[in-house]
């Protein structure tokens, strides 16, 4: 029975993650915000909320173990290089772990999330021009930190190994799919921007054409 629950919860969590990625990516690429600070705050809050939702939903690995994908929203922000929103989202996701109780396990989880985001900033800088490798490295780094946290909290035993096996399998699978979605979305937005620029510029002079003049002087 729990295997059916596992599949259903996996699909639900994947849908939540993909939908959240799409919405947050739309906000990141939006040009409707007059203030960078406001835009960054909204992105950070939205990403943090997505991480909390993924944490509370979780995935039932077996009758006694659960895992979650709270780290995936942080991968998205790190990939885009949005550091201020990443800090906000990190604090929200890390701090929300204490909603389950102020325990040593919660402190370990808190530190793990901080370590994940800190390492992601360095990875983004090192692999800036290699988007797929960067996304893969971001996911692997997050899973490594989660591994350390699980081993510290649960110890090296059969239960922790089963949990880690599920975490790595599901985390990498959903992480890679999420990365591909992010890359496709980024490519699409880049193409739209190129088409927009092409439609507004005169190809001979490089100046704005009459269409731009009419749109900006209308009314």
Protein backbone atom coordinates (compact mmCIF):
# COMPACT_ATOMS: atom_id res chain seq x y z
CA UNK A 1 0.00 0.00 0.00
CA UNK A 2 2.74 2.45 0.91
CA UNK A 3 4.30 1.92 -2.56
CA UNK A 4 1.16 3.35 -4.17
CA UNK A 5 1.26 6.26 -1.72
CA UNK A 6 4.94 6.76 -2.57
CA UNK A 7 4.23 7.04 -6.32
CA UNK A 8 1.28 9.39 -5.80
CA UNK A 9 3.22 11.65 -3.43
CA UNK A 10 6.21 11.66 -5.77
CA UNK A 11 4.03 12.83 -8.66
CA UNK A 12 2.32 15.44 -6.48
CA UNK A 13 5.65 16.82 -5.25
CA UNK A 14 7.08 16.86 -8.77
CA UNK A 15 4.01 18.77 -10.03
CA UNK A 16 4.31 21.27 -7.17
CA UNK A 17 8.03 21.75 -7.88
CA UNK A 18 7.57 22.18 -11.65
CA UNK A 19 4.63 24.57 -11.24
CA UNK A 20 6.55 26.61 -8.68
CA UNK A 21 9.61 26.71 -10.93
CA UNK A 22 7.51 28.00 -13.80
CA UNK A 23 5.87 30.76 -11.75
CA UNK A 24 9.14 31.87 -10.14
CA UNK A 25 10.94 31.84 -13.50
CA UNK A 26 8.19 34.05 -14.93
CA UNK A 27 8.71 36.51 -12.07
CA UNK A 28 12.51 36.43 -12.55
CA UNK A 29 12.18 37.25 -16.26
CA UNK A 30 9.41 39.81 -15.76
CA UNK A 31 10.14 43.44 -16.67
CA UNK A 32 7.05 44.83 -14.95
CA UNK A 33 8.74 45.60 -11.64
CA UNK A 34 9.94 49.17 -11.19
CA UNK A 35 12.06 48.30 -8.16
CA UNK A 36 14.74 45.59 -8.11
CA UNK A 37 14.45 45.33 -4.33
CA UNK A 38 10.70 44.64 -4.47
CA UNK A 39 11.17 42.09 -7.24
CA UNK A 40 13.96 40.34 -5.30
CA UNK A 41 11.82 40.27 -2.15
CA UNK A 42 8.88 38.73 -3.99
CA UNK A 43 11.13 36.14 -5.65
CA UNK A 44 12.72 35.26 -2.30
CA UNK A 45 9.37 34.95 -0.51
CA UNK A 46 7.82 32.91 -3.33
CA UNK A 47 10.80 30.55 -3.44
CA UNK A 48 10.85 30.19 0.33
CA UNK A 49 7.12 29.41 0.34
CA UNK A 50 7.64 26.77 -2.36
CA UNK A 51 10.38 25.16 -0.27
CA UNK A 52 8.15 25.11 2.82
CA UNK A 53 5.27 23.56 0.85
CA UNK A 54 7.61 20.85 -0.48
CA UNK A 55 8.89 20.22 3.03
CA UNK A 56 5.41 19.82 4.52
CA UNK A 57 4.16 17.65 1.66
CA UNK A 58 7.10 15.26 1.73
CA UNK A 59 7.27 11.79 0.18
CA UNK A 60 6.59 8.62 2.15
CA UNK A 61 9.60 6.35 1.54
CA UNK A 62 8.22 3.54 3.70
CA UNK A 63 6.04 3.12 6.78
CA UNK A 64 8.41 5.14 8.99
CA UNK A 65 10.57 7.34 6.73
CA UNK A 66 9.75 10.51 4.79
CA UNK A 67 11.86 12.72 2.53
CA UNK A 68 11.24 16.04 0.82
CA UNK A 69 12.51 18.22 -2.03
CA UNK A 70 12.85 21.52 -0.17
CA UNK A 71 16.33 22.08 -1.65
CA UNK A 72 15.13 22.27 -5.28
CA UNK A 73 13.84 25.89 -5.13
CA UNK A 74 17.28 26.96 -3.86
CA UNK A 75 18.86 25.29 -6.91
CA UNK A 76 16.65 27.43 -9.14
CA UNK A 77 17.73 30.71 -7.54
CA UNK A 78 21.38 29.70 -7.46
CA UNK A 79 21.24 28.85 -11.16
CA UNK A 80 19.87 32.30 -11.98
CA UNK A 81 22.43 33.93 -9.68
CA UNK A 82 19.77 35.71 -7.61
CA UNK A 83 21.75 36.06 -4.38
CA UNK A 84 19.47 38.36 -2.38
CA UNK A 85 16.36 36.24 -3.07
CA UNK A 86 18.47 33.16 -2.33
CA UNK A 87 19.32 34.52 1.12
CA UNK A 88 15.65 35.24 1.84
CA UNK A 89 14.49 31.83 0.64
CA UNK A 90 17.29 30.07 2.55
CA UNK A 91 16.32 31.71 5.84
CA UNK A 92 12.63 30.89 5.31
CA UNK A 93 13.24 27.24 4.41
CA UNK A 94 15.90 26.70 7.07
CA UNK A 95 13.90 28.48 9.77
CA UNK A 96 10.69 26.60 8.97
CA UNK A 97 12.37 23.38 10.12
CA UNK A 98 11.94 24.64 13.69
CA UNK A 99 8.17 24.48 13.24
CA UNK A 100 8.56 20.77 13.97
CA UNK A 101 10.32 21.58 17.24
CA UNK A 102 13.54 23.20 18.46
CA UNK A 103 15.70 20.10 18.59
CA UNK A 104 19.32 19.17 17.79
CA UNK A 105 18.03 17.55 14.60
CA UNK A 106 16.39 20.83 13.60
CA UNK A 107 19.67 22.71 14.14
CA UNK A 108 21.52 20.18 11.95
CA UNK A 109 18.89 20.62 9.21
CA UNK A 110 19.16 24.41 9.57
CA UNK A 111 22.95 24.33 9.17
CA UNK A 112 22.64 21.96 6.19
CA UNK A 113 20.36 24.39 4.33
CA UNK A 114 22.75 27.28 5.02
CA UNK A 115 25.65 25.14 3.77
CA UNK A 116 23.69 24.21 0.64
CA UNK A 117 23.08 27.84 -0.32
CA UNK A 118 26.63 28.96 0.53
CA UNK A 119 28.14 26.24 -1.64
CA UNK A 120 25.71 26.97 -4.45
CA UNK A 121 26.92 30.55 -4.73
CA UNK A 122 30.48 29.29 -5.30
CA UNK A 123 29.34 26.63 -7.79
CA UNK A 124 27.35 29.19 -9.78
CA UNK A 125 30.41 31.40 -10.06
CA UNK A 126 32.70 28.54 -11.12
CA UNK A 127 30.38 27.06 -13.77
CA UNK A 128 28.72 30.24 -14.98
CA UNK A 129 29.07 29.44 -18.69
CA UNK A 130 28.22 25.74 -18.39
CA UNK A 131 24.51 25.76 -17.49
CA UNK A 132 23.76 22.01 -17.54
CA UNK A 133 26.91 21.08 -15.61
CA UNK A 134 26.14 23.91 -13.21
CA UNK A 135 22.61 22.61 -12.56
CA UNK A 136 23.88 19.07 -12.05
CA UNK A 137 26.60 20.27 -9.67
CA UNK A 138 24.08 22.35 -7.69
CA UNK A 139 21.81 19.32 -7.25
CA UNK A 140 24.68 17.01 -6.27
CA UNK A 141 26.02 19.54 -3.75
CA UNK A 142 22.58 19.86 -2.14
CA UNK A 143 22.22 16.09 -1.91
CA UNK A 144 25.69 15.75 -0.37
CA UNK A 145 24.80 18.23 2.39
CA UNK A 146 21.49 16.43 2.95
CA UNK A 147 23.43 13.16 3.21
CA UNK A 148 25.67 14.57 5.95
CA UNK A 149 22.64 15.90 7.84
CA UNK A 150 20.82 12.56 7.64
CA UNK A 151 23.86 10.58 8.80
CA UNK A 152 24.43 12.95 11.73
CA UNK A 153 20.76 12.86 12.77
CA UNK A 154 20.00 9.18 12.17
CA UNK A 155 23.44 7.59 12.26
CA UNK A 156 24.83 5.04 9.84
CA UNK A 157 22.19 2.33 9.82
CA UNK A 158 19.75 0.55 7.55
CA UNK A 159 17.03 3.19 7.98
CA UNK A 160 19.30 6.09 7.07
CA UNK A 161 20.71 4.21 4.07
CA UNK A 162 17.21 3.51 2.74
CA UNK A 163 16.29 7.14 3.20
CA UNK A 164 19.45 8.33 1.44
CA UNK A 165 18.94 5.91 -1.44
CA UNK A 166 15.45 7.31 -2.00
CA UNK A 167 16.67 10.89 -1.55
CA UNK A 168 19.45 10.54 -4.13
CA UNK A 169 17.31 8.63 -6.63
CA UNK A 170 14.32 10.94 -6.45
CA UNK A 171 16.34 14.09 -5.82
CA UNK A 172 18.55 13.60 -8.87
CA UNK A 173 15.67 12.52 -11.12
CA UNK A 174 13.39 15.45 -10.22
CA UNK A 175 16.39 17.79 -9.99
CA UNK A 176 17.61 16.99 -13.50
CA UNK A 177 14.08 17.30 -14.92
CA UNK A 178 13.66 20.62 -13.11
CA UNK A 179 17.01 21.77 -14.48
CA UNK A 180 15.96 20.90 -18.02
CA UNK A 181 12.72 22.83 -17.50
CA UNK A 182 14.69 25.83 -16.23
CA UNK A 183 17.14 25.69 -19.16
CA UNK A 184 14.30 25.46 -21.68
CA UNK A 185 12.50 28.37 -20.03
CA UNK A 186 15.67 30.46 -20.06
CA UNK A 187 16.28 29.65 -23.74
CA UNK A 188 12.67 30.52 -24.60
CA UNK A 189 12.90 33.87 -22.82
CA UNK A 190 16.20 34.62 -24.53
CA UNK A 191 14.65 33.91 -27.95
CA UNK A 192 11.61 36.06 -27.16
CA UNK A 193 13.89 38.92 -26.14
CA UNK A 194 15.90 38.56 -29.37
CA UNK A 195 12.72 38.59 -31.47
CA UNK A 196 11.47 41.64 -29.58
CA UNK A 197 14.73 43.50 -30.18
CA UNK A 198 14.74 42.46 -33.83
CA UNK A 199 11.20 43.79 -34.34
CA UNK A 200 12.06 47.14 -32.75
CA UNK A 201 15.36 47.92 -34.49
CA UNK A 202 16.16 49.02 -38.01
CA UNK A 203 18.56 46.43 -39.40
CA UNK A 204 20.57 49.00 -41.40
CA UNK A 205 21.03 51.76 -38.83
CA UNK A 206 20.60 49.83 -35.58
CA UNK A 207 18.18 52.54 -34.40
CA UNK A 208 14.63 52.09 -33.12
CA UNK A 209 12.15 51.84 -36.00
CA UNK A 210 8.83 53.57 -36.58
CA UNK A 211 6.89 50.88 -34.71
CA UNK A 212 8.67 51.81 -31.46
CA UNK A 213 8.17 55.52 -32.14
CA UNK A 214 4.44 55.06 -32.72
CA UNK A 215 3.99 52.89 -29.61
CA UNK A 216 5.83 55.35 -27.35
CA UNK A 217 4.18 58.49 -28.67
CA UNK A 218 0.64 57.11 -28.91
CA UNK A 219 -1.78 58.77 -26.57
